[in-house]
C-alpha atoms as a PDB file:
ATOM      1  CA  UNK A   1      18.030   3.837 -14.235  1.00  0.00           C
ATOM      2  CA  UNK A   2      18.141   7.449 -15.453  1.00  0.00           C
ATOM      3  CA  UNK A   3      14.513   7.140 -16.588  1.00  0.00           C
ATOM      4  CA  UNK A   4      13.546   5.894 -13.127  1.00  0.00           C
ATOM      5  CA  UNK A   5      15.427   8.757 -11.482  1.00  0.00           C
ATOM      6  CA  UNK A   6      13.406  11.226 -13.546  1.00  0.00           C
ATOM      7  CA  UNK A   7      10.176   9.583 -12.407  1.00  0.00           C
ATOM      8  CA  UNK A   8      10.255   9.203  -8.599  1.00  0.00           C
ATOM      9  CA  UNK A   9       6.542   8.360  -8.563  1.00  0.00           C
ATOM     10  CA  UNK A  10       7.204   5.328 -10.743  1.00  0.00           C
ATOM     11  CA  UNK A  11      10.168   4.296  -8.600  1.00  0.00           C
ATOM     12  CA  UNK A  12       8.330   4.628  -5.283  1.00  0.00           C
ATOM     13  CA  UNK A  13       5.169   2.974  -6.625  1.00  0.00           C
ATOM     14  CA  UNK A  14       7.211   0.124  -8.047  1.00  0.00           C
ATOM     15  CA  UNK A  15       9.033  -0.422  -4.756  1.00  0.00           C
ATOM     16  CA  UNK A  16       5.783  -0.482  -2.769  1.00  0.00           C
ATOM     17  CA  UNK A  17       4.207  -2.860  -5.285  1.00  0.00           C
ATOM     18  CA  UNK A  18       7.231  -5.179  -5.223  1.00  0.00           C
ATOM     19  CA  UNK A  19       7.136  -5.189  -1.422  1.00  0.00           C
ATOM     20  CA  UNK A  20       3.462  -6.165  -1.444  1.00  0.00           C
ATOM     21  CA  UNK A  21       4.000  -8.885  -4.041  1.00  0.00           C
ATOM     22  CA  UNK A  22       7.007 -10.247  -2.146  1.00  0.00           C
ATOM     23  CA  UNK A  23       4.986 -10.333   1.069  1.00  0.00           C
ATOM     24  CA  UNK A  24       2.105 -12.113  -0.656  1.00  0.00           C
ATOM     25  CA  UNK A  25       4.348 -14.784  -2.197  1.00  0.00           C
ATOM     26  CA  UNK A  26       6.325 -15.204   1.024  1.00  0.00           C
ATOM     27  CA  UNK A  27       3.085 -15.933   2.886  1.00  0.00           C
ATOM     28  CA  UNK A  28       2.618 -19.032   0.707  1.00  0.00           C
ATOM     29  CA  UNK A  29       5.724 -20.643   2.212  1.00  0.00           C
ATOM     30  CA  UNK A  30       6.257 -18.874   5.550  1.00  0.00           C
ATOM     31  CA  UNK A  31       4.456 -16.735   8.123  1.00  0.00           C
ATOM     32  CA  UNK A  32       5.507 -15.973  11.717  1.00  0.00           C
ATOM     33  CA  UNK A  33       2.697 -18.260  12.908  1.00  0.00           C
ATOM     34  CA  UNK A  34      -0.090 -20.244  11.231  1.00  0.00           C
ATOM     35  CA  UNK A  35      -2.628 -17.544  10.217  1.00  0.00           C
ATOM     36  CA  UNK A  36      -5.614 -19.552  11.443  1.00  0.00           C
ATOM     37  CA  UNK A  37      -4.038 -20.767  14.708  1.00  0.00           C
ATOM     38  CA  UNK A  38      -6.195 -19.716  17.688  1.00  0.00           C
ATOM     39  CA  UNK A  39      -4.537 -18.950  21.022  1.00  0.00           C
ATOM     40  CA  UNK A  40      -7.077 -17.542  23.450  1.00  0.00           C
ATOM     41  CA  UNK A  41      -4.376 -16.734  26.013  1.00  0.00           C
ATOM     42  CA  UNK A  42      -3.027 -14.077  23.612  1.00  0.00           C
ATOM     43  CA  UNK A  43      -6.452 -12.576  22.876  1.00  0.00           C
ATOM     44  CA  UNK A  44      -6.286  -8.825  21.965  1.00  0.00           C
ATOM     45  CA  UNK A  45      -2.595  -8.655  22.888  1.00  0.00           C
ATOM     46  CA  UNK A  46      -0.986  -5.388  21.733  1.00  0.00           C
ATOM     47  CA  UNK A  47       1.975  -5.238  19.316  1.00  0.00           C
ATOM     48  CA  UNK A  48       5.272  -6.681  20.623  1.00  0.00           C
ATOM     49  CA  UNK A  49       3.502  -8.363  23.520  1.00  0.00           C
ATOM     50  CA  UNK A  50       2.376 -11.269  21.351  1.00  0.00           C
ATOM     51  CA  UNK A  51       4.309 -11.316  18.124  1.00  0.00           C
ATOM     52  CA  UNK A  52       5.444  -8.285  16.164  1.00  0.00           C
ATOM     53  CA  UNK A  53       1.983  -6.780  15.584  1.00  0.00           C
ATOM     54  CA  UNK A  54      -0.037  -8.349  18.396  1.00  0.00           C
ATOM     55  CA  UNK A  55      -3.006 -10.716  18.248  1.00  0.00           C
ATOM     56  CA  UNK A  56      -6.684 -10.426  17.337  1.00  0.00           C
ATOM     57  CA  UNK A  57      -9.825 -11.378  19.285  1.00  0.00           C
ATOM     58  CA  UNK A  58      -9.122 -15.074  18.658  1.00  0.00           C
ATOM     59  CA  UNK A  59      -5.463 -14.809  19.577  1.00  0.00           C
ATOM     60  CA  UNK A  60      -4.330 -15.195  15.965  1.00  0.00           C
ATOM     61  CA  UNK A  61      -1.064 -13.533  14.972  1.00  0.00           C
ATOM     62  CA  UNK A  62      -1.898 -10.267  13.150  1.00  0.00           C
ATOM     63  CA  UNK A  63       1.354 -10.167  11.164  1.00  0.00           C
ATOM     64  CA  UNK A  64       0.566 -13.606   9.767  1.00  0.00           C
ATOM     65  CA  UNK A  65      -3.017 -12.597   8.992  1.00  0.00           C
ATOM     66  CA  UNK A  66      -1.816  -9.498   7.123  1.00  0.00           C
ATOM     67  CA  UNK A  67       0.684 -11.514   5.091  1.00  0.00           C
ATOM     68  CA  UNK A  68      -1.855 -14.185   4.154  1.00  0.00           C
ATOM     69  CA  UNK A  69      -4.477 -11.493   3.524  1.00  0.00           C
ATOM     70  CA  UNK A  70      -2.109  -9.840   1.046  1.00  0.00           C
ATOM     71  CA  UNK A  71      -2.115 -13.017  -1.065  1.00  0.00           C
ATOM     72  CA  UNK A  72      -5.915 -13.274  -1.023  1.00  0.00           C
ATOM     73  CA  UNK A  73      -6.489  -9.599  -1.802  1.00  0.00           C
ATOM     74  CA  UNK A  74      -3.886  -9.376  -4.569  1.00  0.00           C
ATOM     75  CA  UNK A  75      -4.808 -12.685  -6.217  1.00  0.00           C
ATOM     76  CA  UNK A  76      -8.505 -11.760  -6.359  1.00  0.00           C
ATOM     77  CA  UNK A  77      -7.661  -8.285  -7.684  1.00  0.00           C
ATOM     78  CA  UNK A  78      -5.309  -9.625 -10.377  1.00  0.00           C
ATOM     79  CA  UNK A  79      -7.722 -12.297 -11.622  1.00  0.00           C
ATOM     80  CA  UNK A  80     -10.686  -9.894 -11.614  1.00  0.00           C
ATOM     81  CA  UNK A  81      -8.792  -7.179 -13.500  1.00  0.00           C
ATOM     82  CA  UNK A  82      -7.466  -9.694 -16.040  1.00  0.00           C
ATOM     83  CA  UNK A  83     -11.003 -10.938 -16.692  1.00  0.00           C
ATOM     84  CA  UNK A  84     -12.338  -7.406 -16.971  1.00  0.00           C
ATOM     85  CA  UNK A  85      -9.448  -6.410 -19.211  1.00  0.00           C
ATOM     86  CA  UNK A  86      -9.908  -9.386 -21.537  1.00  0.00           C
ATOM     87  CA  UNK A  87     -13.626  -8.775 -21.960  1.00  0.00           C
ATOM     88  CA  UNK A  88     -13.385  -4.993 -22.122  1.00  0.00           C
ATOM     89  CA  UNK A  89     -10.526  -4.830 -24.616  1.00  0.00           C
ATOM     90  CA  UNK A  90     -12.242  -7.352 -26.869  1.00  0.00           C
ATOM     91  CA  UNK A  91     -15.498  -5.389 -26.869  1.00  0.00           C
ATOM     92  CA  UNK A  92     -13.837  -1.990 -27.146  1.00  0.00           C
ATOM     93  CA  UNK A  93     -11.552  -2.839 -30.058  1.00  0.00           C
ATOM     94  CA  UNK A  94     -14.314  -4.627 -31.954  1.00  0.00           C
ATOM     95  CA  UNK A  95     -16.619  -1.652 -31.438  1.00  0.00           C
ATOM     96  CA  UNK A  96     -13.937   0.649 -32.876  1.00  0.00           C
ATOM     97  CA  UNK A  97     -13.328  -1.718 -35.799  1.00  0.00           C
ATOM     98  CA  UNK A  98     -16.940  -2.325 -36.813  1.00  0.00           C
ATOM     99  CA  UNK A  99     -18.505   0.990 -35.716  1.00  0.00           C
ATOM    100  CA  UNK A 100     -22.210   1.494 -36.426  1.00  0.00           C
ATOM    101  CA  UNK A 101     -24.683  -0.665 -34.543  1.00  0.00           C
ATOM    102  CA  UNK A 102     -21.960  -2.838 -32.969  1.00  0.00           C
ATOM    103  CA  UNK A 103     -20.334   0.197 -31.379  1.00  0.00           C
ATOM    104  CA  UNK A 104     -23.669   1.509 -30.154  1.00  0.00           C
ATOM    105  CA  UNK A 105     -24.604  -1.814 -28.522  1.00  0.00           C
ATOM    106  CA  UNK A 106     -21.235  -2.129 -26.745  1.00  0.00           C
ATOM    107  CA  UNK A 107     -21.344   1.412 -25.382  1.00  0.00           C
ATOM    108  CA  UNK A 108     -24.931   1.097 -24.161  1.00  0.00           C
ATOM    109  CA  UNK A 109     -24.087  -2.185 -22.425  1.00  0.00           C
ATOM    110  CA  UNK A 110     -21.155  -0.421 -20.787  1.00  0.00           C
ATOM    111  CA  UNK A 111     -23.493   2.309 -19.542  1.00  0.00           C
ATOM    112  CA  UNK A 112     -25.863  -0.275 -18.066  1.00  0.00           C
ATOM    113  CA  UNK A 113     -22.992  -2.108 -16.339  1.00  0.00           C
ATOM    114  CA  UNK A 114     -21.734   1.143 -14.819  1.00  0.00           C
ATOM    115  CA  UNK A 115     -25.139   1.542 -13.163  1.00  0.00           C
ATOM    116  CA  UNK A 116     -24.366  -1.474 -10.956  1.00  0.00           C
ATOM    117  CA  UNK A 117     -21.303  -0.894  -8.740  1.00  0.00           C
ATOM    118  CA  UNK A 118     -19.117  -3.843  -7.800  1.00  0.00           C
ATOM    119  CA  UNK A 119     -20.545  -4.015  -4.277  1.00  0.00           C
ATOM    120  CA  UNK A 120     -24.144  -4.104  -5.511  1.00  0.00           C
ATOM    121  CA  UNK A 121     -23.234  -6.676  -8.167  1.00  0.00           C
ATOM    122  CA  UNK A 122     -21.557  -8.853  -5.541  1.00  0.00           C
ATOM    123  CA  UNK A 123     -24.622  -8.758  -3.311  1.00  0.00           C
ATOM    124  CA  UNK A 124     -26.833  -9.828  -6.215  1.00  0.00           C
ATOM    125  CA  UNK A 125     -24.417 -12.592  -7.241  1.00  0.00           C
ATOM    126  CA  UNK A 126     -24.087 -13.750  -3.626  1.00  0.00           C
ATOM    127  CA  UNK A 127     -27.867 -14.094  -3.462  1.00  0.00           C
ATOM    128  CA  UNK A 128     -27.679 -16.478  -6.444  1.00  0.00           C
ATOM    129  CA  UNK A 129     -24.523 -18.528  -5.840  1.00  0.00           C
ATOM    130  CA  UNK A 130     -23.564 -17.577  -2.290  1.00  0.00           C
ATOM    131  CA  UNK A 131     -20.701 -15.427  -0.957  1.00  0.00           C
ATOM    132  CA  UNK A 132     -17.104 -16.369  -1.636  1.00  0.00           C
ATOM    133  CA  UNK A 133     -14.032 -15.759  -3.762  1.00  0.00           C
ATOM    134  CA  UNK A 134     -15.883 -16.529  -7.004  1.00  0.00           C
ATOM    135  CA  UNK A 135     -18.519 -13.934  -6.158  1.00  0.00           C
ATOM    136  CA  UNK A 136     -15.868 -11.278  -5.540  1.00  0.00           C
ATOM    137  CA  UNK A 137     -13.952 -12.101  -8.729  1.00  0.00           C
ATOM    138  CA  UNK A 138     -17.068 -12.046 -10.918  1.00  0.00           C
ATOM    139  CA  UNK A 139     -18.411  -8.816  -9.399  1.00  0.00           C
ATOM    140  CA  UNK A 140     -15.110  -6.913  -9.659  1.00  0.00           C
ATOM    141  CA  UNK A 141     -14.345  -8.381 -13.090  1.00  0.00           C
ATOM    142  CA  UNK A 142     -17.743  -7.420 -14.522  1.00  0.00           C
ATOM    143  CA  UNK A 143     -17.346  -3.893 -13.157  1.00  0.00           C
ATOM    144  CA  UNK A 144     -13.973  -3.569 -14.946  1.00  0.00           C
ATOM    145  CA  UNK A 145     -15.292  -4.654 -18.350  1.00  0.00           C
ATOM    146  CA  UNK A 146     -16.910  -1.299 -19.284  1.00  0.00           C
ATOM    147  CA  UNK A 147     -13.865   0.604 -17.990  1.00  0.00           C
ATOM    148  CA  UNK A 148     -11.517  -1.213 -20.353  1.00  0.00           C
ATOM    149  CA  UNK A 149     -14.111  -1.206 -23.149  1.00  0.00           C
ATOM    150  CA  UNK A 150     -14.295   2.582 -23.107  1.00  0.00           C
ATOM    151  CA  UNK A 151     -10.530   3.061 -22.835  1.00  0.00           C
ATOM    152  CA  UNK A 152      -9.821   0.519 -25.591  1.00  0.00           C
ATOM    153  CA  UNK A 153     -12.464   1.966 -27.913  1.00  0.00           C
ATOM    154  CA  UNK A 154     -11.271   5.549 -27.450  1.00  0.00           C
ATOM    155  CA  UNK A 155      -7.622   4.639 -28.046  1.00  0.00           C
ATOM    156  CA  UNK A 156      -8.428   2.310 -30.948  1.00  0.00           C
ATOM    157  CA  UNK A 157     -10.455   4.983 -32.748  1.00  0.00           C
ATOM    158  CA  UNK A 158      -7.373   7.202 -32.778  1.00  0.00           C
ATOM    159  CA  UNK A 159      -5.209   4.404 -34.184  1.00  0.00           C
ATOM    160  CA  UNK A 160      -7.753   3.704 -36.928  1.00  0.00           C
ATOM    161  CA  UNK A 161      -7.112   7.234 -38.269  1.00  0.00           C
ATOM    162  CA  UNK A 162      -3.357   6.681 -38.608  1.00  0.00           C
ATOM    163  CA  UNK A 163      -1.752   6.442 -42.035  1.00  0.00           C
ATOM    164  CA  UNK A 164      -0.338   2.936 -41.508  1.00  0.00           C
ATOM    165  CA  UNK A 165      -3.834   1.621 -40.736  1.00  0.00           C
ATOM    166  CA  UNK A 166      -5.242   3.327 -43.834  1.00  0.00           C
ATOM    167  CA  UNK A 167      -2.422   1.709 -45.831  1.00  0.00           C
ATOM    168  CA  UNK A 168      -3.288  -1.700 -44.368  1.00  0.00           C
ATOM    169  CA  UNK A 169      -6.937  -1.226 -45.331  1.00  0.00           C
ATOM    170  CA  UNK A 170      -5.890  -0.236 -48.836  1.00  0.00           C
ATOM    171  CA  UNK A 171      -3.843  -3.428 -49.024  1.00  0.00           C
ATOM    172  CA  UNK A 172      -7.015  -5.430 -48.409  1.00  0.00           C
ATOM    173  CA  UNK A 173      -6.577  -6.374 -44.759  1.00  0.00           C
ATOM    174  CA  UNK A 174      -9.811  -6.993 -42.852  1.00  0.00           C
ATOM    175  CA  UNK A 175     -10.960  -5.242 -39.697  1.00  0.00           C
ATOM    176  CA  UNK A 176     -10.050  -8.131 -37.393  1.00  0.00           C
ATOM    177  CA  UNK A 177      -6.583  -8.554 -38.877  1.00  0.00           C
ATOM    178  CA  UNK A 178      -5.875  -4.844 -38.568  1.00  0.00           C
ATOM    179  CA  UNK A 179      -7.129  -4.865 -34.983  1.00  0.00           C
ATOM    180  CA  UNK A 180      -4.767  -7.668 -33.907  1.00  0.00           C
ATOM    181  CA  UNK A 181      -1.765  -6.669 -36.027  1.00  0.00           C
ATOM    182  CA  UNK A 182      -1.843  -2.879 -35.739  1.00  0.00           C
ATOM    183  CA  UNK A 183      -4.368  -1.551 -33.211  1.00  0.00           C
ATOM    184  CA  UNK A 184      -3.720  -3.748 -30.152  1.00  0.00           C
ATOM    185  CA  UNK A 185       0.104  -3.389 -30.212  1.00  0.00           C
ATOM    186  CA  UNK A 186      -0.248   0.398 -30.333  1.00  0.00           C
ATOM    187  CA  UNK A 187      -2.690   0.672 -27.426  1.00  0.00           C
ATOM    188  CA  UNK A 188      -1.035  -1.986 -25.224  1.00  0.00           C
ATOM    189  CA  UNK A 189       0.909   0.584 -23.187  1.00  0.00           C
ATOM    190  CA  UNK A 190      -2.224   2.559 -22.374  1.00  0.00           C
ATOM    191  CA  UNK A 191      -4.059  -0.624 -21.385  1.00  0.00           C
ATOM    192  CA  UNK A 192      -1.232  -1.665 -19.048  1.00  0.00           C
ATOM    193  CA  UNK A 193      -1.382   1.708 -17.309  1.00  0.00           C
ATOM    194  CA  UNK A 194      -5.157   1.435 -16.956  1.00  0.00           C
ATOM    195  CA  UNK A 195      -4.831  -2.116 -15.594  1.00  0.00           C
ATOM    196  CA  UNK A 196      -2.391  -0.917 -12.930  1.00  0.00           C
ATOM    197  CA  UNK A 197      -4.803   1.782 -11.804  1.00  0.00           C
ATOM    198  CA  UNK A 198      -7.726  -0.655 -11.834  1.00  0.00           C
ATOM    199  CA  UNK A 199      -5.750  -3.034  -9.624  1.00  0.00           C
ATOM    200  CA  UNK A 200      -5.802  -0.384  -6.900  1.00  0.00           C
ATOM    201  CA  UNK A 201      -9.575  -0.045  -7.271  1.00  0.00           C
ATOM    202  CA  UNK A 202      -9.966  -3.839  -7.278  1.00  0.00           C
ATOM    203  CA  UNK A 203      -8.050  -4.203  -4.002  1.00  0.00           C
ATOM    204  CA  UNK A 204     -10.283  -1.560  -2.443  1.00  0.00           C
ATOM    205  CA  UNK A 205     -13.400  -3.269  -3.819  1.00  0.00           C
ATOM    206  CA  UNK A 206     -12.304  -6.678  -2.527  1.00  0.00           C
ATOM    207  CA  UNK A 207     -11.735  -5.219   0.933  1.00  0.00           C
ATOM    208  CA  UNK A 208     -15.197  -3.674   0.838  1.00  0.00           C
ATOM    209  CA  UNK A 209     -16.819  -6.947  -0.222  1.00  0.00           C
ATOM    210  CA  UNK A 210     -15.019  -8.915   2.491  1.00  0.00           C
ATOM    211  CA  UNK A 211     -15.999  -6.242   5.010  1.00  0.00           C
ATOM    212  CA  UNK A 212     -19.635  -6.857   4.061  1.00  0.00           C
ATOM    213  CA  UNK A 213     -19.220 -10.627   4.265  1.00  0.00           C
ATOM    214  CA  UNK A 214     -19.568 -11.467   0.555  1.00  0.00           C
ATOM    215  CA  UNK A 215     -15.855 -11.773  -0.219  1.00  0.00           C
ATOM    216  CA  UNK A 216     -13.221 -14.196   1.067  1.00  0.00           C
ATOM    217  CA  UNK A 217     -14.986 -16.644   3.425  1.00  0.00           C
ATOM    218  CA  UNK A 218     -13.631 -17.444   6.906  1.00  0.00           C
ATOM    219  CA  UNK A 219     -11.312 -18.805   8.123  1.00  0.00           C
ATOM    220  CA  UNK A 220      -9.212 -17.530   5.192  1.00  0.00           C
ATOM    221  CA  UNK A 221      -7.571 -14.184   6.094  1.00  0.00           C
ATOM    222  CA  UNK A 222      -8.759 -11.003   4.410  1.00  0.00           C
ATOM    223  CA  UNK A 223      -7.901  -7.372   5.079  1.00  0.00           C
ATOM    224  CA  UNK A 224     -11.528  -6.347   4.670  1.00  0.00           C
ATOM    225  CA  UNK A 225     -12.846  -8.916   7.123  1.00  0.00           C
ATOM    226  CA  UNK A 226     -10.103  -8.003   9.603  1.00  0.00           C
ATOM    227  CA  UNK A 227     -11.496  -4.471   9.513  1.00  0.00           C
ATOM    228  CA  UNK A 228     -15.016  -5.787   9.971  1.00  0.00           C
ATOM    229  CA  UNK A 229     -14.041  -7.969  12.933  1.00  0.00           C
ATOM    230  CA  UNK A 230     -12.211  -5.091  14.603  1.00  0.00           C
ATOM    231  CA  UNK A 231     -15.303  -2.874  14.926  1.00  0.00           C
ATOM    232  CA  UNK A 232     -16.357  -4.444  18.219  1.00  0.00           C
ATOM    233  CA  UNK A 233     -12.917  -3.944  19.785  1.00  0.00           C
ATOM    234  CA  UNK A 234     -11.979  -0.423  18.651  1.00  0.00           C
ATOM    235  CA  UNK A 235     -11.744   0.954  22.177  1.00  0.00           C
ATOM    236  CA  UNK A 236      -9.887  -2.086  23.574  1.00  0.00           C
ATOM    237  CA  UNK A 237      -7.528  -2.824  20.690  1.00  0.00           C
ATOM    238  CA  UNK A 238      -7.434  -0.075  18.038  1.00  0.00           C
ATOM    239  CA  UNK A 239      -4.497  -1.781  16.327  1.00  0.00           C
ATOM    240  CA  UNK A 240      -6.933  -4.413  15.012  1.00  0.00           C
ATOM    241  CA  UNK A 241      -8.409  -1.746  12.704  1.00  0.00           C
ATOM    242  CA  UNK A 242      -5.341   0.438  12.152  1.00  0.00           C
ATOM    243  CA  UNK A 243      -3.057  -2.285  10.781  1.00  0.00           C
ATOM    244  CA  UNK A 244      -5.308  -3.760   8.049  1.00  0.00           C
ATOM    245  CA  UNK A 245      -6.438  -0.232   7.200  1.00  0.00           C
ATOM    246  CA  UNK A 246      -2.823   0.781   6.658  1.00  0.00           C
ATOM    247  CA  UNK A 247      -2.224  -2.325   4.545  1.00  0.00           C
ATOM    248  CA  UNK A 248      -5.159  -1.472   2.265  1.00  0.00           C
ATOM    249  CA  UNK A 249      -4.093   2.182   2.011  1.00  0.00           C
ATOM    250  CA  UNK A 250      -0.494   1.199   1.210  1.00  0.00           C
ATOM    251  CA  UNK A 251      -1.580  -1.251  -1.493  1.00  0.00           C
ATOM    252  CA  UNK A 252      -3.926   1.250  -3.139  1.00  0.00           C
ATOM    253  CA  UNK A 253      -1.332   4.034  -2.941  1.00  0.00           C
ATOM    254  CA  UNK A 254       1.406   1.819  -4.375  1.00  0.00           C
ATOM    255  CA  UNK A 255      -0.578   0.704  -7.428  1.00  0.00           C
ATOM    256  CA  UNK A 256      -1.892   4.223  -8.050  1.00  0.00           C
ATOM    257  CA  UNK A 257       1.613   5.674  -7.944  1.00  0.00           C
ATOM    258  CA  UNK A 258       2.869   2.894 -10.208  1.00  0.00           C
ATOM    259  CA  UNK A 259       0.085   3.624 -12.698  1.00  0.00           C
ATOM    260  CA  UNK A 260       0.755   7.365 -12.625  1.00  0.00           C
ATOM    261  CA  UNK A 261       4.468   6.778 -13.109  1.00  0.00           C
ATOM    262  CA  UNK A 262       3.932   4.399 -16.021  1.00  0.00           C
ATOM    263  CA  UNK A 263       1.560   6.883 -17.634  1.00  0.00           C
ATOM    264  CA  UNK A 264       4.183   9.633 -17.420  1.00  0.00           C
ATOM    265  CA  UNK A 265       6.789   7.365 -19.012  1.00  0.00           C
ATOM    266  CA  UNK A 266       4.587   5.872 -21.733  1.00  0.00           C
ATOM    267  CA  UNK A 267       2.559   8.939 -22.744  1.00  0.00           C
ATOM    268  CA  UNK A 268       4.748  10.966 -25.159  1.00  0.00           C
ATOM    269  CA  UNK A 269       2.756  14.149 -24.563  1.00  0.00           C
ATOM    270  CA  UNK A 270       3.459  14.068 -20.840  1.00  0.00           C
ATOM    271  CA  UNK A 271       7.068  13.134 -21.524  1.00  0.00           C
ATOM    272  CA  UNK A 272       7.563  16.244 -23.693  1.00  0.00           C
ATOM    273  CA  UNK A 273       6.199  18.461 -20.918  1.00  0.00           C
ATOM    274  CA  UNK A 274       8.991  17.418 -18.543  1.00  0.00           C
END
């Protein structure tokens, strides 16, 4: 608790993240109303007039849509970041272990992947397999691979210069064994921090993809598509855009603050500066 008190950013980010996760899991068992239930008589009703947060252009309860949208956004972000992390860490640590041509190939592939943002990748994938959750996961996951590859490689190269790794090499351990027994455990904290920050970017990317129509398909709720649907009714019902926009901003802010707080706690250099 004392460590948390010294890091208010970590505490606040953790609370926001827990609130979002609790809301997402709660939506799987309960929402104020069925998220896809249409009630034309409540169409564009303002907050408190029809439910806590009003209704959209189909009369659907906005609070329920936001809760269900939290599950869709967070689940896509988590799966995409896990895929990107798995592929990136594997490539990055192997590049650091083998060096030479293997390292050069991995880094050049990372450069090429960076040239295609997640949105552009999703549009290309959607043209091949169609829009949907799979398209969003693949596009965001592929975009995260070079991020984790570079972070893992940079951190692993520093570990490979440590005395205990040199001792392991002298004892006859191979590159793969050293990577799994010594390198990965020592860079795990850094990778967790990076994953937390990438989750914020993944949520933002998923919202952008759904806004463009290549993310979560209707009638499943999505914060990005709620923003897209609200464009026609901005003058009549501005809350249709404000509420999902606030949800996206809160989610991104929470994960960013959590990542910054974890970095301050885990990084010994930053800890000594306090």
